[in-house]
C-alpha atoms as a PDB file:
ATOM      1  CA  THR A   1      89.441 107.235  83.791  1.00  0.00           C
ATOM      2  CA  VAL A   2      87.297 108.100  86.793  1.00  0.00           C
ATOM      3  CA  LYS A   3      83.602 108.590  87.467  1.00  0.00           C
ATOM      4  CA  VAL A   4      82.430 111.533  89.568  1.00  0.00           C
ATOM      5  CA  ASN A   5      80.421 110.206  92.525  1.00  0.00           C
ATOM      6  CA  TYR A   6      76.808 111.346  92.848  1.00  0.00           C
ATOM      7  CA  SER A   7      77.594 112.276  96.454  1.00  0.00           C
ATOM      8  CA  ALA A   8      80.291 114.769  95.385  1.00  0.00           C
ATOM      9  CA  SER A   9      79.200 118.315  96.179  1.00  0.00           C
ATOM     10  CA  ARG A  10      82.192 120.638  95.728  1.00  0.00           C
ATOM     11  CA  TRP A  11      85.236 120.905  93.496  1.00  0.00           C
ATOM     12  CA  ALA A  12      88.620 121.019  95.236  1.00  0.00           C
ATOM     13  CA  THR A  13      88.400 124.815  94.864  1.00  0.00           C
ATOM     14  CA  GLY A  14      85.239 124.910  96.995  1.00  0.00           C
ATOM     15  CA  GLN A  15      82.768 125.696  94.187  1.00  0.00           C
ATOM     16  CA  TYR A  16      79.645 123.566  93.824  1.00  0.00           C
ATOM     17  CA  ILE A  17      79.769 120.739  91.287  1.00  0.00           C
ATOM     18  CA  PRO A  18      76.923 120.991  88.751  1.00  0.00           C
ATOM     19  CA  SER A  19      74.578 117.992  88.767  1.00  0.00           C
ATOM     20  CA  PHE A  20      75.254 117.240  85.078  1.00  0.00           C
ATOM     21  CA  ILE A  21      78.884 116.400  85.976  1.00  0.00           C
ATOM     22  CA  LYS A  22      77.939 113.749  88.560  1.00  0.00           C
ATOM     23  CA  GLY A  23      77.856 110.141  87.403  1.00  0.00           C
ATOM     24  CA  ASN A  24      79.888 110.871  84.272  1.00  0.00           C
ATOM     25  CA  SER A  25      83.344 109.548  83.530  1.00  0.00           C
ATOM     26  CA  TYR A  26      86.389 111.646  82.674  1.00  0.00           C
ATOM     27  CA  LYS A  27      90.007 111.021  81.855  1.00  0.00           C
ATOM     28  CA  VAL A  28      92.459 112.219  84.495  1.00  0.00           C
ATOM     29  CA  ILE A  29      95.087 114.471  82.976  1.00  0.00           C
ATOM     30  CA  GLN A  30      97.011 115.319  86.143  1.00  0.00           C
ATOM     31  CA  VAL A  31      97.260 114.209  89.771  1.00  0.00           C
ATOM     32  CA  SER A  32      98.392 116.450  92.605  1.00  0.00           C
ATOM     33  CA  GLY A  33      98.294 115.162  96.167  1.00  0.00           C
ATOM     34  CA  ASN A  34      94.729 114.151  96.923  1.00  0.00           C
ATOM     35  CA  LYS A  35      93.276 115.938  93.868  1.00  0.00           C
ATOM     36  CA  VAL A  36      92.865 114.985  90.202  1.00  0.00           C
ATOM     37  CA  LEU A  37      92.365 117.246  87.181  1.00  0.00           C
ATOM     38  CA  LEU A  38      89.525 116.125  84.916  1.00  0.00           C
ATOM     39  CA  ASP A  39      89.864 116.409  81.156  1.00  0.00           C
ATOM     40  CA  GLY A  40      86.997 118.121  79.369  1.00  0.00           C
ATOM     41  CA  VAL A  41      85.911 120.174  82.371  1.00  0.00           C
ATOM     42  CA  MET A  42      89.428 121.233  83.395  1.00  0.00           C
ATOM     43  CA  SER A  43      88.501 121.203  87.081  1.00  0.00           C
ATOM     44  CA  TRP A  44      90.233 119.775  90.129  1.00  0.00           C
ATOM     45  CA  ILE A  45      88.288 117.324  92.277  1.00  0.00           C
ATOM     46  CA  ASN A  46      89.221 115.452  95.453  1.00  0.00           C
ATOM     47  CA  LYS A  47      90.150 111.791  94.936  1.00  0.00           C
ATOM     48  CA  SER A  48      87.554 110.796  97.534  1.00  0.00           C
ATOM     49  CA  ASP A  49      84.830 112.179  95.231  1.00  0.00           C
ATOM     50  CA  VAL A  50      85.670 109.932  92.272  1.00  0.00           C
ATOM     51  CA  GLU A  51      85.670 106.212  91.527  1.00  0.00           C
ATOM     52  CA  ILE A  52      88.429 104.680  89.417  1.00  0.00           C
ATOM     53  CA  LEU A  53      86.965 103.002  86.346  1.00  0.00           C
ATOM     54  CA  GLN A  54      90.080 102.243  84.342  1.00  0.00           C
ATOM     55  CA  THR A  55      93.812 102.542  84.732  1.00  0.00           C
ATOM     56  CA  THR A  56      96.503 102.539  82.084  1.00  0.00           C
ATOM     57  CA  ALA A  57      97.751  99.155  83.274  1.00  0.00           C
ATOM     58  CA  PRO A  58      97.041  96.437  80.697  1.00  0.00           C
ATOM     59  CA  VAL A  59      94.373  93.901  81.615  1.00  0.00           C
ATOM     60  CA  GLN A  60      95.343  90.295  80.999  1.00  0.00           C
ATOM     61  CA  ALA A  61      92.540  87.881  80.133  1.00  0.00           C
ATOM     62  CA  ASN A  62      93.854  85.173  82.472  1.00  0.00           C
ATOM     63  CA  ASN A  63      93.497  87.558  85.429  1.00  0.00           C
ATOM     64  CA  SER A  64      89.796  88.137  84.851  1.00  0.00           C
ATOM     65  CA  SER A  65      86.579  86.393  85.755  1.00  0.00           C
ATOM     66  CA  TYR A  66      83.632  86.126  83.395  1.00  0.00           C
ATOM     67  CA  TYR A  67      79.899  85.595  83.747  1.00  0.00           C
ATOM     68  CA  THR A  68      77.537  84.271  81.083  1.00  0.00           C
ATOM     69  CA  VAL A  69      74.275  86.197  81.024  1.00  0.00           C
ATOM     70  CA  ARG A  70      71.103  84.135  81.608  1.00  0.00           C
ATOM     71  CA  TYR A  71      67.502  84.926  80.770  1.00  0.00           C
ATOM     72  CA  GLY A  72      66.117  87.449  83.282  1.00  0.00           C
ATOM     73  CA  ASP A  73      69.525  88.806  84.312  1.00  0.00           C
ATOM     74  CA  THR A  74      70.096  92.539  84.682  1.00  0.00           C
ATOM     75  CA  LEU A  75      73.437  94.298  84.797  1.00  0.00           C
ATOM     76  CA  SER A  76      72.659  95.622  88.277  1.00  0.00           C
ATOM     77  CA  GLY A  77      71.717  92.124  89.470  1.00  0.00           C
ATOM     78  CA  ILE A  78      74.959  90.669  88.124  1.00  0.00           C
ATOM     79  CA  ALA A  79      76.914  93.553  89.692  1.00  0.00           C
ATOM     80  CA  TYR A  80      75.297  92.867  93.067  1.00  0.00           C
ATOM     81  CA  LYS A  81      76.339  89.191  92.900  1.00  0.00           C
ATOM     82  CA  TYR A  82      79.955  90.214  92.364  1.00  0.00           C
ATOM     83  CA  GLY A  83      80.031  93.098  94.873  1.00  0.00           C
ATOM     84  CA  THR A  84      80.439  95.850  92.316  1.00  0.00           C
ATOM     85  CA  THR A  85      78.251  98.409  90.521  1.00  0.00           C
ATOM     86  CA  TRP A  86      76.489  98.227  87.175  1.00  0.00           C
ATOM     87  CA  GLN A  87      78.538 101.292  86.139  1.00  0.00           C
ATOM     88  CA  ASN A  88      81.773  99.346  86.737  1.00  0.00           C
ATOM     89  CA  LEU A  89      80.492  96.402  84.674  1.00  0.00           C
ATOM     90  CA  GLN A  90      79.357  98.745  81.920  1.00  0.00           C
ATOM     91  CA  ALA A  91      82.813 100.346  81.739  1.00  0.00           C
ATOM     92  CA  LEU A  92      84.669  97.026  82.107  1.00  0.00           C
ATOM     93  CA  ASN A  93      82.732  95.561  79.167  1.00  0.00           C
ATOM     94  CA  GLY A  94      82.466  98.683  76.997  1.00  0.00           C
ATOM     95  CA  LEU A  95      78.669  98.541  76.989  1.00  0.00           C
ATOM     96  CA  SER A  96      77.061 101.596  75.415  1.00  0.00           C
ATOM     97  CA  ASN A  97      73.618 100.716  76.819  1.00  0.00           C
ATOM     98  CA  PRO A  98      73.588  99.056  80.258  1.00  0.00           C
ATOM     99  CA  ASN A  99      69.951  97.986  79.741  1.00  0.00           C
ATOM    100  CA  TRP A 100      70.789  95.833  76.726  1.00  0.00           C
ATOM    101  CA  ILE A 101      72.423  92.559  77.675  1.00  0.00           C
ATOM    102  CA  TYR A 102      71.324  89.212  76.280  1.00  0.00           C
ATOM    103  CA  PRO A 103      71.340  85.535  77.297  1.00  0.00           C
ATOM    104  CA  GLY A 104      74.602  83.852  76.352  1.00  0.00           C
ATOM    105  CA  GLN A 105      76.584  87.097  76.411  1.00  0.00           C
ATOM    106  CA  ARG A 106      79.933  86.728  78.181  1.00  0.00           C
ATOM    107  CA  LEU A 107      80.664  89.615  80.548  1.00  0.00           C
ATOM    108  CA  LYS A 108      83.887  90.371  82.366  1.00  0.00           C
ATOM    109  CA  VAL A 109      82.922  90.760  86.022  1.00  0.00           C
ATOM    110  CA  THR A 110      86.272  91.231  87.756  1.00  0.00           C
ATOM    111  CA  SER A 111      89.731  92.281  86.825  1.00  0.00           C
ATOM    112  CA  ASN A 112      92.609  91.451  89.111  1.00  0.00           C
ATOM    113  CA  VAL A 113      94.876  94.215  87.885  1.00  0.00           C
ATOM    114  CA  SER A 114      96.588  95.573  90.945  1.00  0.00           C
ATOM    115  CA  THR A 115      94.456  98.617  91.681  1.00  0.00           C
ATOM    116  CA  GLN A 116      93.892  97.807  95.343  1.00  0.00           C
ATOM    117  CA  ARG A 117      92.802 100.907  97.179  1.00  0.00           C
ATOM    118  CA  THR A 118      92.862 101.442 100.901  1.00  0.00           C
ATOM    119  CA  TYR A 119      90.889 103.848 103.027  1.00  0.00           C
ATOM    120  CA  THR A 120      91.627 104.950 106.582  1.00  0.00           C
ATOM    121  CA  VAL A 121      88.464 105.271 108.640  1.00  0.00           C
ATOM    122  CA  ARG A 122      87.872 108.741 110.079  1.00  0.00           C
ATOM    123  CA  TYR A 123      85.744 109.843 113.008  1.00  0.00           C
ATOM    124  CA  GLY A 124      82.078 109.885 111.973  1.00  0.00           C
ATOM    125  CA  ASP A 125      82.506 107.426 109.081  1.00  0.00           C
ATOM    126  CA  THR A 126      80.094 104.563 108.588  1.00  0.00           C
ATOM    127  CA  LEU A 127      80.813 101.435 106.591  1.00  0.00           C
ATOM    128  CA  SER A 128      77.762 102.076 104.409  1.00  0.00           C
ATOM    129  CA  GLY A 129      78.928 105.645 103.770  1.00  0.00           C
ATOM    130  CA  ILE A 130      82.391 104.452 102.752  1.00  0.00           C
ATOM    131  CA  ALA A 131      80.865 101.747 100.534  1.00  0.00           C
ATOM    132  CA  TYR A 132      78.617 104.319  98.852  1.00  0.00           C
ATOM    133  CA  ARG A 133      81.498 106.745  98.331  1.00  0.00           C
ATOM    134  CA  TYR A 134      83.564 104.090  96.554  1.00  0.00           C
ATOM    135  CA  GLY A 135      80.672 102.419  94.733  1.00  0.00           C
ATOM    136  CA  VAL A 136      81.018  99.017  96.392  1.00  0.00           C
ATOM    137  CA  ASN A 137      78.562  96.763  98.190  1.00  0.00           C
ATOM    138  CA  VAL A 138      78.689  97.283 101.976  1.00  0.00           C
ATOM    139  CA  TYR A 139      78.549  93.548 102.724  1.00  0.00           C
ATOM    140  CA  THR A 140      81.330  92.782 100.254  1.00  0.00           C
ATOM    141  CA  LEU A 141      83.409  95.542 101.853  1.00  0.00           C
ATOM    142  CA  ALA A 142      82.771  94.030 105.296  1.00  0.00           C
ATOM    143  CA  ARG A 143      83.578  90.487 104.145  1.00  0.00           C
ATOM    144  CA  ASN A 144      86.794  91.543 102.386  1.00  0.00           C
ATOM    145  CA  ASN A 145      87.975  93.287 105.558  1.00  0.00           C
ATOM    146  CA  GLY A 146      86.956  90.632 108.076  1.00  0.00           C
ATOM    147  CA  ILE A 147      84.283  92.842 109.638  1.00  0.00           C
ATOM    148  CA  SER A 148      81.527  90.771 111.262  1.00  0.00           C
ATOM    149  CA  ASN A 149      79.435  93.740 112.458  1.00  0.00           C
ATOM    150  CA  ILE A 150      78.946  96.440 109.793  1.00  0.00           C
ATOM    151  CA  ASN A 151      78.065  98.926 112.543  1.00  0.00           C
ATOM    152  CA  TRP A 152      81.445  98.639 114.247  1.00  0.00           C
ATOM    153  CA  ILE A 153      84.412 100.343 112.609  1.00  0.00           C
ATOM    154  CA  TYR A 154      86.846 102.700 114.277  1.00  0.00           C
ATOM    155  CA  PRO A 155      88.974 105.747 113.372  1.00  0.00           C
ATOM    156  CA  GLY A 156      92.397 104.735 112.076  1.00  0.00           C
ATOM    157  CA  GLN A 157      91.201 101.343 110.805  1.00  0.00           C
ATOM    158  CA  LYS A 158      92.571 100.538 107.334  1.00  0.00           C
ATOM    159  CA  LEU A 159      90.057  99.120 104.855  1.00  0.00           C
ATOM    160  CA  ASN A 160      90.766  97.494 101.518  1.00  0.00           C
ATOM    161  CA  ILE A 161      88.313  98.969  99.048  1.00  0.00           C
END
């Protein structure tokens, strides 16, 4: 299952992506090179324009980290603490309404299933742009890749997303 990034503008065929598609999640029914075919819309989209929400690999409870919600917490605030997005936490926990969490609720915040992604920096890329594209926090991305200055990346550099 993948989520179409809000920054996505064109399908792999070159046609514009309607705004109602962006931010929604879809099952992938086929992969071909750097493109995926989305179920329900039956359209090809570039892998760089989607964020992986779930894979078919089983998640084992002992490979996960949990957070207990406290009074005043928000899903976006919790996501920020763990270097992820509220959309990822919503999907990871099967929450139908991301605005309704309650004190004492136990939320899964990370899953260590091997879905490590890498990205090769291209000319003109910025770390914040890459972070936005993949739905991760720019400072977490920098820390996880040993980058001390978020303004200094170079073409050909491999980043763990």
